[in-house]
Amino acid sequence: QSRIALSFYCLAFFIFMSIAVLPFTVMERAIVDKEVRNSYYHPGIYQVAQAVSSIPGTAILAFITTLIIITFTKMRDPMWYFLNMFLCLVCAEALCQLVSHIVPHFVIGIG
């Protein structure tokens, strides 16, 4: 009956699963480096575009999770749950993006 445990489990599960983005961004890094060397775009603009493009998917994931959890548990104040889930997922995605640009191979980033 602990709502804090339920919230922690859901947040931890999605945060730990956000590491799945590492292989894709590490493989994409060679392409991005080539495009930056050819002066097609600036690395800062690329990072901003990555962050902005991940917001809708993160919001949809947080909304669906909030809808399921609030429906099954009858928790009050779903907006706080959604906001907590959304911000945790955005931070986890940002951290995974940072790690993927630092490490040379995704296995090192996962470990």
Protein backbone atom coordinates (compact mmCIF):
# COMPACT_ATOMS: atom_id res chain seq x y z
CA GLN A 1 0.00 0.00 0.00
CA SER A 2 3.02 2.29 -0.06
CA ARG A 3 2.59 4.93 -2.73
CA ILE A 4 6.15 6.11 -2.34
CA ALA A 5 7.43 2.62 -3.14
CA LEU A 6 5.20 2.50 -6.20
CA SER A 7 6.43 5.87 -7.40
CA PHE A 8 10.05 4.88 -6.80
CA TYR A 9 9.62 1.62 -8.68
CA CYS A 10 8.05 3.30 -11.72
CA LEU A 11 10.61 6.10 -11.82
CA ALA A 12 13.55 3.76 -11.29
CA PHE A 13 12.34 1.37 -13.97
CA PHE A 14 12.04 4.07 -16.62
CA ILE A 15 15.25 5.79 -15.61
CA PHE A 16 17.19 2.52 -15.79
CA MET A 17 15.56 1.72 -19.13
CA SER A 18 16.61 5.08 -20.58
CA ILE A 19 20.10 3.61 -20.92
CA ALA A 20 18.79 1.90 -24.07
CA VAL A 21 19.53 5.10 -25.99
CA LEU A 22 23.30 4.64 -25.55
CA PRO A 23 23.98 2.25 -28.46
CA PHE A 24 22.13 4.46 -30.91
CA THR A 25 23.79 7.70 -29.93
CA VAL A 26 27.26 6.14 -29.84
CA MET A 27 26.74 4.75 -33.36
CA GLU A 28 25.38 8.12 -34.47
CA ARG A 29 28.39 9.98 -33.09
CA ALA A 30 30.58 9.24 -36.12
CA ILE A 31 27.98 10.78 -38.41
CA VAL A 32 27.60 13.82 -36.18
CA ASP A 33 31.37 14.31 -36.03
CA LYS A 34 31.55 14.20 -39.81
CA GLU A 35 28.73 16.70 -40.19
CA VAL A 36 30.33 19.05 -37.63
CA ARG A 37 33.72 18.81 -39.38
CA ASN A 38 32.03 19.70 -42.67
CA SER A 39 30.48 22.74 -40.91
CA TYR A 40 26.91 21.70 -41.63
CA TYR A 41 25.89 22.49 -38.05
CA HIS A 42 27.31 23.40 -34.69
CA PRO A 43 27.54 20.80 -31.87
CA GLY A 44 25.53 23.05 -29.55
CA ILE A 45 22.70 23.26 -32.05
CA TYR A 46 22.76 19.48 -32.38
CA GLN A 47 22.44 19.05 -28.61
CA VAL A 48 19.58 21.51 -28.41
CA ALA A 49 17.82 19.72 -31.27
CA GLN A 50 18.30 16.36 -29.52
CA ALA A 51 16.84 17.75 -26.30
CA VAL A 52 13.86 19.40 -27.98
CA SER A 53 13.07 16.37 -30.12
CA SER A 54 13.03 14.04 -27.11
CA ILE A 55 10.51 16.13 -25.14
CA PRO A 56 7.32 15.00 -26.97
CA GLY A 57 8.17 11.30 -26.64
CA THR A 58 9.11 11.75 -23.01
CA ALA A 59 5.86 13.62 -22.34
CA ILE A 60 3.80 10.89 -24.00
CA LEU A 61 5.58 8.18 -22.02
CA ALA A 62 5.09 10.08 -18.76
CA PHE A 63 1.42 10.72 -19.58
CA ILE A 64 0.65 7.09 -20.39
CA THR A 65 2.44 5.90 -17.27
CA THR A 66 0.60 8.47 -15.16
CA LEU A 67 -2.72 7.46 -16.67
CA ILE A 68 -2.14 3.77 -15.93
CA ILE A 69 -0.81 4.28 -12.40
CA ILE A 70 -3.44 6.83 -11.38
CA THR A 71 -6.25 4.67 -12.79
CA PHE A 72 -5.15 1.52 -10.98
CA THR A 73 -4.12 3.04 -7.66
CA LYS A 74 -6.64 5.91 -7.34
CA MET A 75 -3.82 8.25 -6.31
CA ARG A 76 -4.71 11.87 -5.84
CA ASP A 77 -3.15 14.76 -7.72
CA PRO A 78 -2.01 13.15 -10.98
CA MET A 79 -0.34 16.36 -12.16
CA TRP A 80 2.44 16.02 -9.58
CA TYR A 81 3.01 12.40 -10.55
CA PHE A 82 3.17 13.35 -14.24
CA LEU A 83 5.53 16.25 -13.53
CA ASN A 84 7.80 14.05 -11.41
CA MET A 85 7.86 11.30 -14.05
CA PHE A 86 8.43 13.74 -16.90
CA LEU A 87 11.29 15.62 -15.24
CA CYS A 88 13.00 12.42 -14.13
CA LEU A 89 12.83 11.05 -17.66
CA VAL A 90 14.16 14.28 -19.17
CA CYS A 91 17.10 14.28 -16.73
CA ALA A 92 17.82 10.60 -17.41
CA GLU A 93 17.77 11.19 -21.17
CA ALA A 94 20.10 14.16 -20.81
CA LEU A 95 22.51 12.14 -18.67
CA CYS A 96 22.49 9.27 -21.17
CA GLN A 97 23.19 11.71 -24.00
CA LEU A 98 26.10 13.14 -22.03
CA VAL A 99 27.57 9.72 -21.27
CA SER A 100 27.14 8.61 -24.88
CA HIS A 101 29.22 11.56 -26.09
CA ILE A 102 31.97 10.93 -23.56
CA VAL A 103 32.55 7.17 -23.84
CA PRO A 104 34.07 5.58 -26.97
CA HIS A 105 31.89 2.44 -26.87
CA PHE A 106 28.36 1.93 -25.51
CA VAL A 107 29.34 -1.09 -23.40
CA ILE A 108 31.60 1.17 -21.35
CA GLY A 109 28.73 3.62 -20.88
CA ILE A 110 26.35 0.88 -19.77
CA GLY A 111 28.87 -0.49 -17.25
